[in-house]
PDB file of N, CA and C in Angstrom:
ATOM      1  N   MET A   1      28.833 293.401  41.955  1.00  0.00           N
ATOM      2  CA  MET A   1      28.151 295.005  40.833  1.00  0.00           C
ATOM      3  C   MET A   1      29.159 295.920  41.709  1.00  0.00           C
ATOM      4  N   ARG A   2      29.384 296.714  40.338  1.00  0.00           N
ATOM      5  CA  ARG A   2      29.672 298.164  40.014  1.00  0.00           C
ATOM      6  C   ARG A   2      29.041 298.925  40.060  1.00  0.00           C
ATOM      7  N   LEU A   3      28.957 300.245  40.080  1.00  0.00           N
ATOM      8  CA  LEU A   3      28.257 301.143  38.992  1.00  0.00           C
ATOM      9  C   LEU A   3      29.393 302.504  39.015  1.00  0.00           C
ATOM     10  N   ILE A   4      29.173 302.872  37.800  1.00  0.00           N
ATOM     11  CA  ILE A   4      30.436 303.538  37.188  1.00  0.00           C
ATOM     12  C   ILE A   4      30.297 304.794  36.691  1.00  0.00           C
ATOM     13  N   ASP A   5      30.175 306.323  37.086  1.00  0.00           N
ATOM     14  CA  ASP A   5      30.179 306.856  35.813  1.00  0.00           C
ATOM     15  C   ASP A   5      30.582 306.857  34.474  1.00  0.00           C
ATOM     16  N   ALA A   6      29.758 307.447  33.522  1.00  0.00           N
ATOM     17  CA  ALA A   6      30.743 307.280  32.167  1.00  0.00           C
ATOM     18  C   ALA A   6      30.261 308.167  31.532  1.00  0.00           C
ATOM     19  N   GLU A   7      30.838 309.132  30.817  1.00  0.00           N
ATOM     20  CA  GLU A   7      31.132 310.003  29.870  1.00  0.00           C
ATOM     21  C   GLU A   7      30.106 309.405  29.131  1.00  0.00           C
ATOM     22  N   ALA A   8      29.532 310.609  28.080  1.00  0.00           N
ATOM     23  CA  ALA A   8      28.843 310.279  26.893  1.00  0.00           C
ATOM     24  C   ALA A   8      29.759 309.422  25.749  1.00  0.00           C
ATOM     25  N   THR A   9      31.024 309.767  25.584  1.00  0.00           N
ATOM     26  CA  THR A   9      32.000 309.230  24.522  1.00  0.00           C
ATOM     27  C   THR A   9      31.954 307.614  24.915  1.00  0.00           C
ATOM     28  N   ILE A  10      32.422 307.173  26.204  1.00  0.00           N
ATOM     29  CA  ILE A  10      32.795 305.966  26.935  1.00  0.00           C
ATOM     30  C   ILE A  10      31.050 305.060  26.613  1.00  0.00           C
ATOM     31  N   ILE A  11      29.731 305.993  26.877  1.00  0.00           N
ATOM     32  CA  ILE A  11      28.682 305.430  26.621  1.00  0.00           C
ATOM     33  C   ILE A  11      28.669 305.259  25.180  1.00  0.00           C
ATOM     34  N   GLU A  12      28.885 306.028  24.667  1.00  0.00           N
ATOM     35  CA  GLU A  12      28.471 305.174  22.935  1.00  0.00           C
ATOM     36  C   GLU A  12      29.939 304.491  22.476  1.00  0.00           C
ATOM     37  N   ASP A  13      30.954 304.589  23.249  1.00  0.00           N
ATOM     38  CA  ASP A  13      31.771 303.410  22.765  1.00  0.00           C
ATOM     39  C   ASP A  13      31.647 302.153  22.918  1.00  0.00           C
ATOM     40  N   LEU A  14      31.072 301.834  24.482  1.00  0.00           N
ATOM     41  CA  LEU A  14      30.514 300.644  25.064  1.00  0.00           C
ATOM     42  C   LEU A  14      29.416 300.288  23.972  1.00  0.00           C
ATOM     43  N   LYS A  15      28.433 300.988  23.743  1.00  0.00           N
ATOM     44  CA  LYS A  15      27.374 300.522  22.971  1.00  0.00           C
ATOM     45  C   LYS A  15      28.411 300.026  21.647  1.00  0.00           C
ATOM     46  N   ASP A  16      28.906 300.811  21.213  1.00  0.00           N
ATOM     47  CA  ASP A  16      29.263 300.182  19.918  1.00  0.00           C
ATOM     48  C   ASP A  16      30.001 298.453  19.898  1.00  0.00           C
ATOM     49  N   GLU A  17      30.841 299.045  21.193  1.00  0.00           N
ATOM     50  CA  GLU A  17      31.966 297.532  21.448  1.00  0.00           C
ATOM     51  C   GLU A  17      30.790 296.055  22.043  1.00  0.00           C
ATOM     52  N   SER A  18      29.111 296.460  22.238  1.00  0.00           N
ATOM     53  CA  SER A  18      28.946 295.485  22.685  1.00  0.00           C
ATOM     54  C   SER A  18      27.830 294.692  21.699  1.00  0.00           C
ATOM     55  N   ASP A  19      26.980 293.659  22.071  1.00  0.00           N
ATOM     56  CA  ASP A  19      25.929 293.237  21.743  1.00  0.00           C
ATOM     57  C   ASP A  19      24.975 293.665  22.849  1.00  0.00           C
ATOM     58  N   ILE A  20      24.549 294.205  22.195  1.00  0.00           N
ATOM     59  CA  ILE A  20      23.207 295.116  22.876  1.00  0.00           C
ATOM     60  C   ILE A  20      21.858 293.561  23.087  1.00  0.00           C
ATOM     61  N   VAL A  21      21.288 293.506  24.253  1.00  0.00           N
ATOM     62  CA  VAL A  21      20.469 292.191  24.380  1.00  0.00           C
ATOM     63  C   VAL A  21      19.353 293.300  24.218  1.00  0.00           C
ATOM     64  N   ALA A  22      18.993 293.624  24.898  1.00  0.00           N
ATOM     65  CA  ALA A  22      17.581 294.522  25.119  1.00  0.00           C
ATOM     66  C   ALA A  22      17.762 295.702  25.651  1.00  0.00           C
ATOM     67  N   GLU A  23      17.220 297.183  24.789  1.00  0.00           N
ATOM     68  CA  GLU A  23      16.757 298.543  24.968  1.00  0.00           C
ATOM     69  C   GLU A  23      15.705 298.923  25.599  1.00  0.00           C
ATOM     70  N   LYS A  24      15.442 300.098  26.178  1.00  0.00           N
ATOM     71  CA  LYS A  24      14.080 300.495  27.096  1.00  0.00           C
ATOM     72  C   LYS A  24      14.294 301.752  27.245  1.00  0.00           C
ATOM     73  N   SER A  25      13.667 302.695  27.119  1.00  0.00           N
ATOM     74  CA  SER A  25      13.822 304.360  26.706  1.00  0.00           C
ATOM     75  C   SER A  25      12.167 304.470  27.791  1.00  0.00           C
ATOM     76  N   VAL A  26      12.692 305.741  28.967  1.00  0.00           N
ATOM     77  CA  VAL A  26      11.385 306.098  29.626  1.00  0.00           C
ATOM     78  C   VAL A  26      11.638 307.441  29.830  1.00  0.00           C
ATOM     79  N   ALA A  27      11.079 308.638  29.810  1.00  0.00           N
ATOM     80  CA  ALA A  27      10.980 309.848  30.187  1.00  0.00           C
ATOM     81  C   ALA A  27      12.824 310.219  29.634  1.00  0.00           C
ATOM     82  N   GLY A  28      13.287 310.287  28.473  1.00  0.00           N
ATOM     83  CA  GLY A  28      14.346 310.500  28.056  1.00  0.00           C
ATOM     84  C   GLY A  28      14.970 309.609  28.441  1.00  0.00           C
ATOM     85  N   VAL A  29      15.413 308.617  29.504  1.00  0.00           N
ATOM     86  CA  VAL A  29      16.532 307.703  29.820  1.00  0.00           C
ATOM     87  C   VAL A  29      16.340 306.060  29.079  1.00  0.00           C
ATOM     88  N   THR A  30      17.589 306.101  28.565  1.00  0.00           N
ATOM     89  CA  THR A  30      17.648 304.452  28.155  1.00  0.00           C
ATOM     90  C   THR A  30      18.730 303.637  28.790  1.00  0.00           C
ATOM     91  N   VAL A  31      17.698 302.247  28.778  1.00  0.00           N
ATOM     92  CA  VAL A  31      18.800 301.661  29.982  1.00  0.00           C
ATOM     93  C   VAL A  31      19.241 300.523  28.781  1.00  0.00           C
ATOM     94  N   TYR A  32      20.479 300.203  28.225  1.00  0.00           N
ATOM     95  CA  TYR A  32      20.860 299.004  27.414  1.00  0.00           C
ATOM     96  C   TYR A  32      20.987 297.868  28.487  1.00  0.00           C
ATOM     97  N   THR A  33      20.949 296.566  28.103  1.00  0.00           N
ATOM     98  CA  THR A  33      21.669 295.248  28.924  1.00  0.00           C
ATOM     99  C   THR A  33      22.745 294.982  27.711  1.00  0.00           C
ATOM    100  N   ALA A  34      23.873 294.728  27.567  1.00  0.00           N
ATOM    101  CA  ALA A  34      24.434 293.999  26.429  1.00  0.00           C
ATOM    102  C   ALA A  34      25.751 292.881  27.641  1.00  0.00           C
ATOM    103  N   ARG A  35      26.479 292.366  26.305  1.00  0.00           N
ATOM    104  CA  ARG A  35      27.366 291.197  26.257  1.00  0.00           C
ATOM    105  C   ARG A  35      28.527 292.317  25.761  1.00  0.00           C
ATOM    106  N   HIS A  36      29.260 292.396  26.830  1.00  0.00           N
ATOM    107  CA  HIS A  36      30.664 293.257  26.256  1.00  0.00           C
ATOM    108  C   HIS A  36      31.937 292.064  26.270  1.00  0.00           C
ATOM    109  N   PRO A  37      32.705 292.098  25.402  1.00  0.00           N
ATOM    110  CA  PRO A  37      34.075 291.115  24.860  1.00  0.00           C
ATOM    111  C   PRO A  37      34.400 290.866  25.979  1.00  0.00           C
ATOM    112  N   THR A  38      35.230 291.935  26.679  1.00  0.00           N
ATOM    113  CA  THR A  38      36.287 292.002  28.164  1.00  0.00           C
ATOM    114  C   THR A  38      35.676 292.088  28.814  1.00  0.00           C
ATOM    115  N   LEU A  39      34.741 292.734  29.305  1.00  0.00           N
ATOM    116  CA  LEU A  39      33.953 293.086  30.780  1.00  0.00           C
ATOM    117  C   LEU A  39      32.678 292.479  30.800  1.00  0.00           C
ATOM    118  N   GLY A  40      32.329 291.892  29.836  1.00  0.00           N
ATOM    119  CA  GLY A  40      31.123 290.741  30.510  1.00  0.00           C
ATOM    120  C   GLY A  40      29.537 291.395  30.124  1.00  0.00           C
ATOM    121  N   LYS A  41      28.892 290.984  31.341  1.00  0.00           N
ATOM    122  CA  LYS A  41      27.744 291.327  31.369  1.00  0.00           C
ATOM    123  C   LYS A  41      27.909 292.850  31.952  1.00  0.00           C
ATOM    124  N   LEU A  42      26.897 293.518  31.289  1.00  0.00           N
ATOM    125  CA  LEU A  42      26.867 295.049  31.085  1.00  0.00           C
ATOM    126  C   LEU A  42      25.139 295.731  31.395  1.00  0.00           C
ATOM    127  N   VAL A  43      24.892 296.141  31.760  1.00  0.00           N
ATOM    128  CA  VAL A  43      23.674 297.552  31.792  1.00  0.00           C
ATOM    129  C   VAL A  43      24.268 299.033  31.515  1.00  0.00           C
ATOM    130  N   ILE A  44      23.970 299.844  30.988  1.00  0.00           N
ATOM    131  CA  ILE A  44      24.651 300.823  29.779  1.00  0.00           C
ATOM    132  C   ILE A  44      22.969 301.780  30.582  1.00  0.00           C
ATOM    133  N   VAL A  45      23.164 302.959  31.355  1.00  0.00           N
ATOM    134  CA  VAL A  45      21.629 303.955  31.482  1.00  0.00           C
ATOM    135  C   VAL A  45      22.436 305.176  30.961  1.00  0.00           C
ATOM    136  N   LYS A  46      21.496 305.719  30.052  1.00  0.00           N
ATOM    137  CA  LYS A  46      22.487 306.793  29.132  1.00  0.00           C
ATOM    138  C   LYS A  46      21.368 307.574  29.290  1.00  0.00           C
ATOM    139  N   ALA A  47      21.500 308.706  30.110  1.00  0.00           N
ATOM    140  CA  ALA A  47      20.920 310.291  30.503  1.00  0.00           C
ATOM    141  C   ALA A  47      20.623 311.349  29.358  1.00  0.00           C
ATOM    142  N   PRO A  48      19.606 311.513  29.325  1.00  0.00           N
ATOM    143  CA  PRO A  48      19.328 312.577  28.028  1.00  0.00           C
ATOM    144  C   PRO A  48      20.237 313.442  27.520  1.00  0.00           C
ATOM    145  N   ASN A  49      21.230 314.038  28.491  1.00  0.00           N
ATOM    146  CA  ASN A  49      22.383 314.564  28.250  1.00  0.00           C
ATOM    147  C   ASN A  49      23.779 313.463  27.483  1.00  0.00           C
ATOM    148  N   GLY A  50      23.217 312.620  27.249  1.00  0.00           N
ATOM    149  CA  GLY A  50      23.907 311.726  26.561  1.00  0.00           C
ATOM    150  C   GLY A  50      25.298 310.788  27.524  1.00  0.00           C
ATOM    151  N   SER A  51      25.421 311.218  28.870  1.00  0.00           N
ATOM    152  CA  SER A  51      26.375 310.777  29.955  1.00  0.00           C
ATOM    153  C   SER A  51      25.497 309.862  30.349  1.00  0.00           C
ATOM    154  N   GLY A  52      26.119 308.774  31.460  1.00  0.00           N
ATOM    155  CA  GLY A  52      25.242 307.713  32.148  1.00  0.00           C
ATOM    156  C   GLY A  52      25.756 307.073  33.358  1.00  0.00           C
ATOM    157  N   ILE A  53      25.314 306.199  33.137  1.00  0.00           N
ATOM    158  CA  ILE A  53      26.226 305.122  34.355  1.00  0.00           C
ATOM    159  C   ILE A  53      25.987 303.991  34.055  1.00  0.00           C
ATOM    160  N   LEU A  54      26.848 303.018  34.130  1.00  0.00           N
ATOM    161  CA  LEU A  54      27.589 301.746  33.613  1.00  0.00           C
ATOM    162  C   LEU A  54      27.713 300.825  34.910  1.00  0.00           C
ATOM    163  N   VAL A  55      26.536 300.122  34.884  1.00  0.00           N
ATOM    164  CA  VAL A  55      26.428 298.834  36.116  1.00  0.00           C
ATOM    165  C   VAL A  55      27.611 297.443  35.196  1.00  0.00           C
ATOM    166  N   GLU A  56      28.604 297.350  35.885  1.00  0.00           N
ATOM    167  CA  GLU A  56      29.206 296.060  35.685  1.00  0.00           C
ATOM    168  C   GLU A  56      28.540 294.843  35.989  1.00  0.00           C
ATOM    169  N   ILE A  57      27.957 293.496  35.590  1.00  0.00           N
ATOM    170  CA  ILE A  57      27.734 292.713  36.545  1.00  0.00           C
ATOM    171  C   ILE A  57      28.391 291.840  36.880  1.00  0.00           C
ATOM    172  N   ASP A  58      28.581 290.990  37.929  1.00  0.00           N
ATOM    173  CA  ASP A  58      29.847 289.912  37.895  1.00  0.00           C
ATOM    174  C   ASP A  58      29.292 288.787  37.524  1.00  0.00           C
ATOM    175  N   GLU A  59      29.729 287.781  37.033  1.00  0.00           N
ATOM    176  CA  GLU A  59      29.044 286.866  36.764  1.00  0.00           C
ATOM    177  C   GLU A  59      29.342 285.472  37.664  1.00  0.00           C
TER     178      GLU A  59
END
C-alpha cells in the first residue's frame, strides 16, 4: 500500500475516472472506495477543503 497526498483537482479527476464502490462521510471528511482502470483498487480520502489522501492498494 502507498499513501499519497493529493490536491483537490487530483481527487476530483480520480473520482471521475474511477468506478466508486462505496462512499461514507463523517465530520466533513469523505472516504471513497474505488476501482480505477489503470491504478486498480483505491481509497480516496477527501478533506473539507477538497484536498486529500489517496491510498493505492496492492492487488
